[in-house]
PDB file of all heavy atoms in Angstrom:
ATOM      1  N   ASP A   1      -1.569  -9.869   0.843  1.00  0.00           N
ATOM      2  CA  ASP A   1      -2.054  -8.489   0.692  1.00  0.00           C
ATOM      3  C   ASP A   1      -0.812  -7.605   0.574  1.00  0.00           C
ATOM      4  O   ASP A   1      -0.307  -7.076   1.553  1.00  0.00           O
ATOM      5  CB  ASP A   1      -2.903  -8.111   1.897  1.00  0.00           C
ATOM      6  CG  ASP A   1      -3.721  -6.848   1.682  1.00  0.00           C
ATOM      7  OD1 ASP A   1      -3.570  -6.214   0.618  1.00  0.00           O
ATOM      8  OD2 ASP A   1      -4.498  -6.483   2.588  1.00  0.00           O
ATOM      9  N   LEU A   2      -0.301  -7.440  -0.657  1.00  0.00           N
ATOM     10  CA  LEU A   2       1.074  -6.997  -0.879  1.00  0.00           C
ATOM     11  C   LEU A   2       1.259  -5.488  -0.963  1.00  0.00           C
ATOM     12  O   LEU A   2       2.393  -5.017  -0.902  1.00  0.00           O
ATOM     13  CB  LEU A   2       1.597  -7.614  -2.191  1.00  0.00           C
ATOM     14  CG  LEU A   2       1.485  -9.127  -2.335  1.00  0.00           C
ATOM     15  CD1 LEU A   2       1.933  -9.541  -3.719  1.00  0.00           C
ATOM     16  CD2 LEU A   2       2.320  -9.805  -1.276  1.00  0.00           C
ATOM     17  N   TYR A   3       0.167  -4.730  -1.116  1.00  0.00           N
ATOM     18  CA  TYR A   3       0.268  -3.296  -1.422  1.00  0.00           C
ATOM     19  C   TYR A   3      -0.821  -2.571  -0.649  1.00  0.00           C
ATOM     20  O   TYR A   3      -2.007  -2.676  -0.980  1.00  0.00           O
ATOM     21  CB  TYR A   3       0.107  -3.094  -2.923  1.00  0.00           C
ATOM     22  CG  TYR A   3       0.339  -1.686  -3.446  1.00  0.00           C
ATOM     23  CD1 TYR A   3       1.577  -1.305  -3.948  1.00  0.00           C
ATOM     24  CD2 TYR A   3      -0.692  -0.745  -3.483  1.00  0.00           C
ATOM     25  CE1 TYR A   3       1.793  -0.033  -4.464  1.00  0.00           C
ATOM     26  CE2 TYR A   3      -0.485   0.527  -3.986  1.00  0.00           C
ATOM     27  CZ  TYR A   3       0.748   0.878  -4.484  1.00  0.00           C
ATOM     28  OH  TYR A   3       0.959   2.138  -4.996  1.00  0.00           O
ATOM     29  N   GLN A   4      -0.438  -1.848   0.404  1.00  0.00           N
ATOM     30  CA  GLN A   4      -1.410  -1.226   1.286  1.00  0.00           C
ATOM     31  C   GLN A   4      -1.143   0.275   1.370  1.00  0.00           C
ATOM     32  O   GLN A   4      -0.026   0.694   1.680  1.00  0.00           O
ATOM     33  CB  GLN A   4      -1.357  -1.873   2.670  1.00  0.00           C
ATOM     34  CG  GLN A   4      -1.609  -3.376   2.623  1.00  0.00           C
ATOM     35  CD  GLN A   4      -1.676  -4.043   3.970  1.00  0.00           C
ATOM     36  OE1 GLN A   4      -1.888  -3.404   5.002  1.00  0.00           O
ATOM     37  NE2 GLN A   4      -1.508  -5.373   3.981  1.00  0.00           N
ATOM     38  N   VAL A   5      -2.177   1.058   1.063  1.00  0.00           N
ATOM     39  CA  VAL A   5      -2.070   2.515   1.053  1.00  0.00           C
ATOM     40  C   VAL A   5      -2.779   3.076   2.276  1.00  0.00           C
ATOM     41  O   VAL A   5      -3.926   2.697   2.566  1.00  0.00           O
ATOM     42  CB  VAL A   5      -2.684   3.110  -0.227  1.00  0.00           C
ATOM     43  CG1 VAL A   5      -2.459   4.625  -0.270  1.00  0.00           C
ATOM     44  CG2 VAL A   5      -2.093   2.447  -1.467  1.00  0.00           C
ATOM     45  N   LEU A   6      -2.092   3.993   2.979  1.00  0.00           N
ATOM     46  CA  LEU A   6      -2.644   4.591   4.185  1.00  0.00           C
ATOM     47  C   LEU A   6      -2.855   6.079   4.000  1.00  0.00           C
ATOM     48  O   LEU A   6      -2.018   6.772   3.400  1.00  0.00           O
ATOM     49  CB  LEU A   6      -1.708   4.375   5.377  1.00  0.00           C
ATOM     50  CG  LEU A   6      -1.233   2.952   5.676  1.00  0.00           C
ATOM     51  CD1 LEU A   6      -0.369   2.946   6.926  1.00  0.00           C
ATOM     52  CD2 LEU A   6      -2.404   2.002   5.821  1.00  0.00           C
ATOM     53  N   ASN A   7      -3.961   6.583   4.546  1.00  0.00           N
ATOM     54  CA  ASN A   7      -4.199   8.015   4.642  1.00  0.00           C
ATOM     55  C   ASN A   7      -3.501   8.499   5.915  1.00  0.00           C
ATOM     56  O   ASN A   7      -3.840   8.082   7.022  1.00  0.00           O
ATOM     57  CB  ASN A   7      -5.703   8.283   4.709  1.00  0.00           C
ATOM     58  CG  ASN A   7      -6.036   9.766   4.721  1.00  0.00           C
ATOM     59  OD1 ASN A   7      -5.226  10.590   5.129  1.00  0.00           O
ATOM     60  ND2 ASN A   7      -7.235  10.111   4.290  1.00  0.00           N
ATOM     61  N   ILE A   8      -2.511   9.370   5.760  1.00  0.00           N
ATOM     62  CA  ILE A   8      -1.754   9.873   6.911  1.00  0.00           C
ATOM     63  C   ILE A   8      -2.001  11.363   7.116  1.00  0.00           C
ATOM     64  O   ILE A   8      -1.172  12.066   7.710  1.00  0.00           O
ATOM     65  CB  ILE A   8      -0.247   9.592   6.743  1.00  0.00           C
ATOM     66  CG1 ILE A   8       0.271  10.141   5.401  1.00  0.00           C
ATOM     67  CG2 ILE A   8       0.039   8.091   6.868  1.00  0.00           C
ATOM     68  CD1 ILE A   8       1.779  10.077   5.254  1.00  0.00           C
ATOM     69  N   SER A   9      -3.172  11.862   6.645  1.00  0.00           N
ATOM     70  CA  SER A   9      -3.493  13.274   6.829  1.00  0.00           C
ATOM     71  C   SER A   9      -3.500  13.655   8.304  1.00  0.00           C
ATOM     72  O   SER A   9      -3.097  14.759   8.670  1.00  0.00           O
ATOM     73  CB  SER A   9      -4.858  13.597   6.209  1.00  0.00           C
ATOM     74  OG  SER A   9      -4.868  13.350   4.830  1.00  0.00           O
ATOM     75  N   VAL A  10      -3.959  12.739   9.146  1.00  0.00           N
ATOM     76  CA  VAL A  10      -3.904  12.925  10.597  1.00  0.00           C
ATOM     77  C   VAL A  10      -2.824  11.982  11.116  1.00  0.00           C
ATOM     78  O   VAL A  10      -3.040  10.762  11.168  1.00  0.00           O
ATOM     79  CB  VAL A  10      -5.256  12.626  11.253  1.00  0.00           C
ATOM     80  CG1 VAL A  10      -5.176  12.851  12.759  1.00  0.00           C
ATOM     81  CG2 VAL A  10      -6.356  13.494  10.638  1.00  0.00           C
ATOM     82  N   PRO A  11      -1.632  12.498  11.473  1.00  0.00           N
ATOM     83  CA  PRO A  11      -0.516  11.613  11.819  1.00  0.00           C
ATOM     84  C   PRO A  11      -0.817  10.630  12.940  1.00  0.00           C
ATOM     85  O   PRO A  11      -0.258   9.526  12.961  1.00  0.00           O
ATOM     86  CB  PRO A  11       0.596  12.594  12.219  1.00  0.00           C
ATOM     87  CG  PRO A  11       0.265  13.863  11.499  1.00  0.00           C
ATOM     88  CD  PRO A  11      -1.231  13.925  11.489  1.00  0.00           C
ATOM     89  N   SER A  12      -1.706  10.992  13.846  1.00  0.00           N
ATOM     90  CA  SER A  12      -1.964  10.121  14.995  1.00  0.00           C
ATOM     91  C   SER A  12      -2.828   8.917  14.652  1.00  0.00           C
ATOM     92  O   SER A  12      -2.868   7.942  15.414  1.00  0.00           O
ATOM     93  CB  SER A  12      -2.638  10.917  16.120  1.00  0.00           C
ATOM     94  OG  SER A  12      -3.871  11.463  15.668  1.00  0.00           O
ATOM     95  N   THR A  13      -3.522   8.976  13.493  1.00  0.00           N
ATOM     96  CA  THR A  13      -4.433   7.880  13.151  1.00  0.00           C
ATOM     97  C   THR A  13      -4.299   7.488  11.686  1.00  0.00           C
ATOM     98  O   THR A  13      -5.186   7.772  10.871  1.00  0.00           O
ATOM     99  CB  THR A  13      -5.891   8.280  13.454  1.00  0.00           C
ATOM    100  OG1 THR A  13      -6.182   9.502  12.753  1.00  0.00           O
ATOM    101  CG2 THR A  13      -6.129   8.445  14.929  1.00  0.00           C
ATOM    102  N   PRO A  14      -3.190   6.843  11.299  1.00  0.00           N
ATOM    103  CA  PRO A  14      -3.097   6.337   9.918  1.00  0.00           C
ATOM    104  C   PRO A  14      -4.209   5.326   9.658  1.00  0.00           C
ATOM    105  O   PRO A  14      -4.464   4.440  10.485  1.00  0.00           O
ATOM    106  CB  PRO A  14      -1.718   5.666   9.886  1.00  0.00           C
ATOM    107  CG  PRO A  14      -0.993   6.183  11.088  1.00  0.00           C
ATOM    108  CD  PRO A  14      -2.016   6.500  12.103  1.00  0.00           C
ATOM    109  N   THR A  15      -4.888   5.463   8.520  1.00  0.00           N
ATOM    110  CA  THR A  15      -5.983   4.554   8.201  1.00  0.00           C
ATOM    111  C   THR A  15      -5.840   4.063   6.765  1.00  0.00           C
ATOM    112  O   THR A  15      -5.465   4.822   5.872  1.00  0.00           O
ATOM    113  CB  THR A  15      -7.348   5.237   8.362  1.00  0.00           C
ATOM    114  OG1 THR A  15      -7.376   6.431   7.557  1.00  0.00           O
ATOM    115  CG2 THR A  15      -7.605   5.605   9.807  1.00  0.00           C
ATOM    116  N   ARG A  16      -6.182   2.818   6.552  1.00  0.00           N
ATOM    117  CA  ARG A  16      -6.068   2.264   5.204  1.00  0.00           C
ATOM    118  C   ARG A  16      -7.131   2.862   4.288  1.00  0.00           C
ATOM    119  O   ARG A  16      -8.293   3.024   4.690  1.00  0.00           O
ATOM    120  CB  ARG A  16      -6.200   0.743   5.234  1.00  0.00           C
ATOM    121  CG  ARG A  16      -6.063   0.141   3.827  1.00  0.00           C
ATOM    122  CD  ARG A  16      -5.733  -1.320   3.854  1.00  0.00           C
ATOM    123  NE  ARG A  16      -5.599  -1.839   2.495  1.00  0.00           N
ATOM    124  CZ  ARG A  16      -5.219  -3.075   2.215  1.00  0.00           C
ATOM    125  NH1 ARG A  16      -4.931  -3.921   3.184  1.00  0.00           N
ATOM    126  NH2 ARG A  16      -5.107  -3.472   0.953  1.00  0.00           N
ATOM    127  N   CYS A  17      -6.734   3.188   3.060  1.00  0.00           N
ATOM    128  CA  CYS A  17      -7.673   3.791   2.114  1.00  0.00           C
ATOM    129  C   CYS A  17      -7.642   3.092   0.758  1.00  0.00           C
ATOM    130  O   CYS A  17      -8.195   3.607  -0.210  1.00  0.00           O
ATOM    131  CB  CYS A  17      -7.384   5.286   1.946  1.00  0.00           C
ATOM    132  SG  CYS A  17      -5.718   5.669   1.386  1.00  0.00           S
ATOM    133  N   SER A  18      -6.985   1.938   0.643  1.00  0.00           N
ATOM    134  CA  SER A  18      -6.910   1.223  -0.640  1.00  0.00           C
ATOM    135  C   SER A  18      -7.583  -0.132  -0.518  1.00  0.00           C
ATOM    136  O   SER A  18      -7.570  -0.761   0.541  1.00  0.00           O
ATOM    137  CB  SER A  18      -5.444   1.018  -1.054  1.00  0.00           C
ATOM    138  OG  SER A  18      -4.795   0.122  -0.165  1.00  0.00           O
ATOM    139  N   PRO A  19      -8.166  -0.629  -1.609  1.00  0.00           N
ATOM    140  CA  PRO A  19      -8.657  -2.011  -1.614  1.00  0.00           C
ATOM    141  C   PRO A  19      -7.485  -2.973  -1.705  1.00  0.00           C
ATOM    142  O   PRO A  19      -6.350  -2.571  -1.951  1.00  0.00           O
ATOM    143  CB  PRO A  19      -9.506  -2.058  -2.882  1.00  0.00           C
ATOM    144  CG  PRO A  19      -8.828  -1.077  -3.798  1.00  0.00           C
ATOM    145  CD  PRO A  19      -8.336   0.032  -2.909  1.00  0.00           C
ATOM    146  N   GLN A  20      -7.761  -4.247  -1.512  1.00  0.00           N
ATOM    147  CA  GLN A  20      -6.729  -5.250  -1.731  1.00  0.00           C
ATOM    148  C   GLN A  20      -6.526  -5.413  -3.224  1.00  0.00           C
ATOM    149  O   GLN A  20      -7.477  -5.597  -3.978  1.00  0.00           O
ATOM    150  CB  GLN A  20      -7.107  -6.581  -1.087  1.00  0.00           C
ATOM    151  CG  GLN A  20      -6.026  -7.642  -1.218  1.00  0.00           C
ATOM    152  CD  GLN A  20      -6.282  -8.841  -0.327  1.00  0.00           C
ATOM    153  OE1 GLN A  20      -7.048  -8.762   0.625  1.00  0.00           O
ATOM    154  NE2 GLN A  20      -5.644  -9.961  -0.640  1.00  0.00           N
ATOM    155  N   ILE A  21      -5.281  -5.317  -3.673  1.00  0.00           N
ATOM    156  CA  ILE A  21      -4.944  -5.376  -5.088  1.00  0.00           C
ATOM    157  C   ILE A  21      -4.372  -6.750  -5.403  1.00  0.00           C
ATOM    158  O   ILE A  21      -3.544  -7.279  -4.657  1.00  0.00           O
ATOM    159  CB  ILE A  21      -3.940  -4.270  -5.452  1.00  0.00           C
ATOM    160  CG1 ILE A  21      -4.541  -2.895  -5.141  1.00  0.00           C
ATOM    161  CG2 ILE A  21      -3.554  -4.340  -6.919  1.00  0.00           C
ATOM    162  CD1 ILE A  21      -3.566  -1.751  -5.328  1.00  0.00           C
ATOM    163  N   SER A  22      -4.791  -7.321  -6.526  1.00  0.00           N
ATOM    164  CA  SER A  22      -4.313  -8.642  -6.935  1.00  0.00           C
ATOM    165  C   SER A  22      -3.074  -8.497  -7.799  1.00  0.00           C
ATOM    166  O   SER A  22      -3.035  -7.704  -8.736  1.00  0.00           O
ATOM    167  CB  SER A  22      -5.410  -9.374  -7.714  1.00  0.00           C
ATOM    168  OG  SER A  22      -4.919 -10.603  -8.215  1.00  0.00           O
ATOM    169  N   PHE A  23      -2.045  -9.297  -7.477  1.00  0.00           N
ATOM    170  CA  PHE A  23      -0.818  -9.372  -8.275  1.00  0.00           C
ATOM    171  C   PHE A  23      -0.625 -10.838  -8.669  1.00  0.00           C
ATOM    172  O   PHE A  23       0.085 -11.578  -7.972  1.00  0.00           O
ATOM    173  CB  PHE A  23       0.389  -8.875  -7.479  1.00  0.00           C
ATOM    174  CG  PHE A  23       0.372  -7.419  -7.137  1.00  0.00           C
ATOM    175  CD1 PHE A  23      -0.256  -6.978  -5.980  1.00  0.00           C
ATOM    176  CD2 PHE A  23       0.982  -6.485  -7.959  1.00  0.00           C
ATOM    177  CE1 PHE A  23      -0.278  -5.631  -5.654  1.00  0.00           C
ATOM    178  CE2 PHE A  23       0.969  -5.136  -7.646  1.00  0.00           C
ATOM    179  CZ  PHE A  23       0.331  -4.708  -6.491  1.00  0.00           C
ATOM    180  N   PRO A  24      -1.244 -11.298  -9.754  1.00  0.00           N
ATOM    181  CA  PRO A  24      -1.133 -12.719 -10.140  1.00  0.00           C
ATOM    182  C   PRO A  24       0.320 -13.150 -10.282  1.00  0.00           C
ATOM    183  O   PRO A  24       1.130 -12.488 -10.928  1.00  0.00           O
ATOM    184  CB  PRO A  24      -1.856 -12.759 -11.488  1.00  0.00           C
ATOM    185  CG  PRO A  24      -2.819 -11.612 -11.444  1.00  0.00           C
ATOM    186  CD  PRO A  24      -2.107 -10.535 -10.686  1.00  0.00           C
ATOM    187  N   GLY A  25       0.662 -14.258  -9.649  1.00  0.00           N
ATOM    188  CA  GLY A  25       2.001 -14.806  -9.732  1.00  0.00           C
ATOM    189  C   GLY A  25       3.001 -14.193  -8.776  1.00  0.00           C
ATOM    190  O   GLY A  25       4.165 -14.610  -8.749  1.00  0.00           O
ATOM    191  N   VAL A  26       2.574 -13.209  -7.979  1.00  0.00           N
ATOM    192  CA  VAL A  26       3.498 -12.504  -7.079  1.00  0.00           C
ATOM    193  C   VAL A  26       3.142 -12.827  -5.635  1.00  0.00           C
ATOM    194  O   VAL A  26       1.974 -12.740  -5.236  1.00  0.00           O
ATOM    195  CB  VAL A  26       3.431 -10.978  -7.297  1.00  0.00           C
ATOM    196  CG1 VAL A  26       4.346 -10.248  -6.309  1.00  0.00           C
ATOM    197  CG2 VAL A  26       3.805 -10.626  -8.728  1.00  0.00           C
ATOM    198  N   THR A  27       4.135 -13.196  -4.858  1.00  0.00           N
ATOM    199  CA  THR A  27       3.945 -13.390  -3.418  1.00  0.00           C
ATOM    200  C   THR A  27       4.825 -12.455  -2.601  1.00  0.00           C
ATOM    201  O   THR A  27       4.748 -12.448  -1.375  1.00  0.00           O
ATOM    202  CB  THR A  27       4.257 -14.834  -3.013  1.00  0.00           C
ATOM    203  OG1 THR A  27       5.620 -15.145  -3.373  1.00  0.00           O
ATOM    204  CG2 THR A  27       3.314 -15.805  -3.701  1.00  0.00           C
ATOM    205  N   ASP A  28       5.658 -11.666  -3.281  1.00  0.00           N
ATOM    206  CA  ASP A  28       6.593 -10.794  -2.552  1.00  0.00           C
ATOM    207  C   ASP A  28       6.896  -9.568  -3.408  1.00  0.00           C
ATOM    208  O   ASP A  28       7.362  -9.693  -4.540  1.00  0.00           O
ATOM    209  CB  ASP A  28       7.880 -11.567  -2.250  1.00  0.00           C
ATOM    210  CG  ASP A  28       8.794 -10.848  -1.266  1.00  0.00           C
ATOM    211  OD1 ASP A  28       8.437  -9.744  -0.812  1.00  0.00           O
ATOM    212  OD2 ASP A  28       9.864 -11.398  -0.945  1.00  0.00           O
ATOM    213  N   ILE A  29       6.593  -8.388  -2.891  1.00  0.00           N
ATOM    214  CA  ILE A  29       7.069  -7.134  -3.479  1.00  0.00           C
ATOM    215  C   ILE A  29       8.281  -6.709  -2.658  1.00  0.00           C
ATOM    216  O   ILE A  29       8.174  -6.439  -1.463  1.00  0.00           O
ATOM    217  CB  ILE A  29       5.985  -6.046  -3.475  1.00  0.00           C
ATOM    218  CG1 ILE A  29       4.802  -6.467  -4.340  1.00  0.00           C
ATOM    219  CG2 ILE A  29       6.555  -4.726  -3.983  1.00  0.00           C
ATOM    220  CD1 ILE A  29       3.645  -5.468  -4.344  1.00  0.00           C
ATOM    221  N   THR A  30       9.435  -6.679  -3.295  1.00  0.00           N
ATOM    222  CA  THR A  30      10.687  -6.502  -2.568  1.00  0.00           C
ATOM    223  C   THR A  30      11.110  -5.049  -2.414  1.00  0.00           C
ATOM    224  O   THR A  30      11.915  -4.730  -1.546  1.00  0.00           O
ATOM    225  CB  THR A  30      11.819  -7.276  -3.262  1.00  0.00           C
ATOM    226  OG1 THR A  30      11.921  -6.827  -4.626  1.00  0.00           O
ATOM    227  CG2 THR A  30      11.532  -8.767  -3.257  1.00  0.00           C
ATOM    228  N   ALA A  31      10.586  -4.144  -3.260  1.00  0.00           N
ATOM    229  CA  ALA A  31      11.015  -2.748  -3.184  1.00  0.00           C
ATOM    230  C   ALA A  31       9.978  -1.869  -3.865  1.00  0.00           C
ATOM    231  O   ALA A  31       9.249  -2.309  -4.755  1.00  0.00           O
ATOM    232  CB  ALA A  31      12.384  -2.564  -3.846  1.00  0.00           C
ATOM    233  N   ILE A  32       9.935  -0.595  -3.439  1.00  0.00           N
ATOM    234  CA  ILE A  32       9.024   0.379  -4.027  1.00  0.00           C
ATOM    235  C   ILE A  32       9.746   1.709  -4.162  1.00  0.00           C
ATOM    236  O   ILE A  32      10.554   2.087  -3.308  1.00  0.00           O
ATOM    237  CB  ILE A  32       7.743   0.551  -3.183  1.00  0.00           C
ATOM    238  CG1 ILE A  32       6.799   1.580  -3.829  1.00  0.00           C
ATOM    239  CG2 ILE A  32       8.058   0.922  -1.745  1.00  0.00           C
ATOM    240  CD1 ILE A  32       5.426   1.630  -3.178  1.00  0.00           C
ATOM    241  N   SER A  33       9.463   2.412  -5.260  1.00  0.00           N
ATOM    242  CA  SER A  33       9.929   3.781  -5.451  1.00  0.00           C
ATOM    243  C   SER A  33       8.811   4.534  -6.153  1.00  0.00           C
ATOM    244  O   SER A  33       8.329   4.083  -7.194  1.00  0.00           O
ATOM    245  CB  SER A  33      11.208   3.823  -6.301  1.00  0.00           C
ATOM    246  OG  SER A  33      11.687   5.148  -6.438  1.00  0.00           O
ATOM    247  N   SER A  34       8.359   5.634  -5.574  1.00  0.00           N
ATOM    248  CA  SER A  34       7.234   6.366  -6.140  1.00  0.00           C
ATOM    249  C   SER A  34       7.685   7.695  -6.717  1.00  0.00           C
ATOM    250  O   SER A  34       8.620   8.326  -6.227  1.00  0.00           O
ATOM    251  CB  SER A  34       6.154   6.598  -5.084  1.00  0.00           C
ATOM    252  OG  SER A  34       5.530   5.388  -4.736  1.00  0.00           O
ATOM    253  N   ILE A  35       6.994   8.117  -7.768  1.00  0.00           N
ATOM    254  CA  ILE A  35       7.324   9.342  -8.485  1.00  0.00           C
ATOM    255  C   ILE A  35       6.049  10.173  -8.658  1.00  0.00           C
ATOM    256  O   ILE A  35       4.997   9.642  -9.022  1.00  0.00           O
ATOM    257  CB  ILE A  35       7.898   9.020  -9.886  1.00  0.00           C
ATOM    258  CG1 ILE A  35       9.307   8.436  -9.765  1.00  0.00           C
ATOM    259  CG2 ILE A  35       7.920  10.251 -10.775  1.00  0.00           C
ATOM    260  CD1 ILE A  35      10.356   9.426  -9.348  1.00  0.00           C
ATOM    261  N   VAL A  36       6.142  11.466  -8.355  1.00  0.00           N
ATOM    262  CA  VAL A  36       5.106  12.411  -8.759  1.00  0.00           C
ATOM    263  C   VAL A  36       5.710  13.241  -9.883  1.00  0.00           C
ATOM    264  O   VAL A  36       6.664  13.996  -9.677  1.00  0.00           O
ATOM    265  CB  VAL A  36       4.657  13.316  -7.601  1.00  0.00           C
ATOM    266  CG1 VAL A  36       3.618  14.324  -8.100  1.00  0.00           C
ATOM    267  CG2 VAL A  36       4.066  12.482  -6.474  1.00  0.00           C
TER     268      VAL A  36
END
């Protein structure tokens, strides 16, 4: 389960808000950088 998104609107209770995403052929995501 390589990619997990949390809702942190309430800092005291982070909760997962994403489904499990399939990455065929991948067992390790080594780095992430996000852009808006």
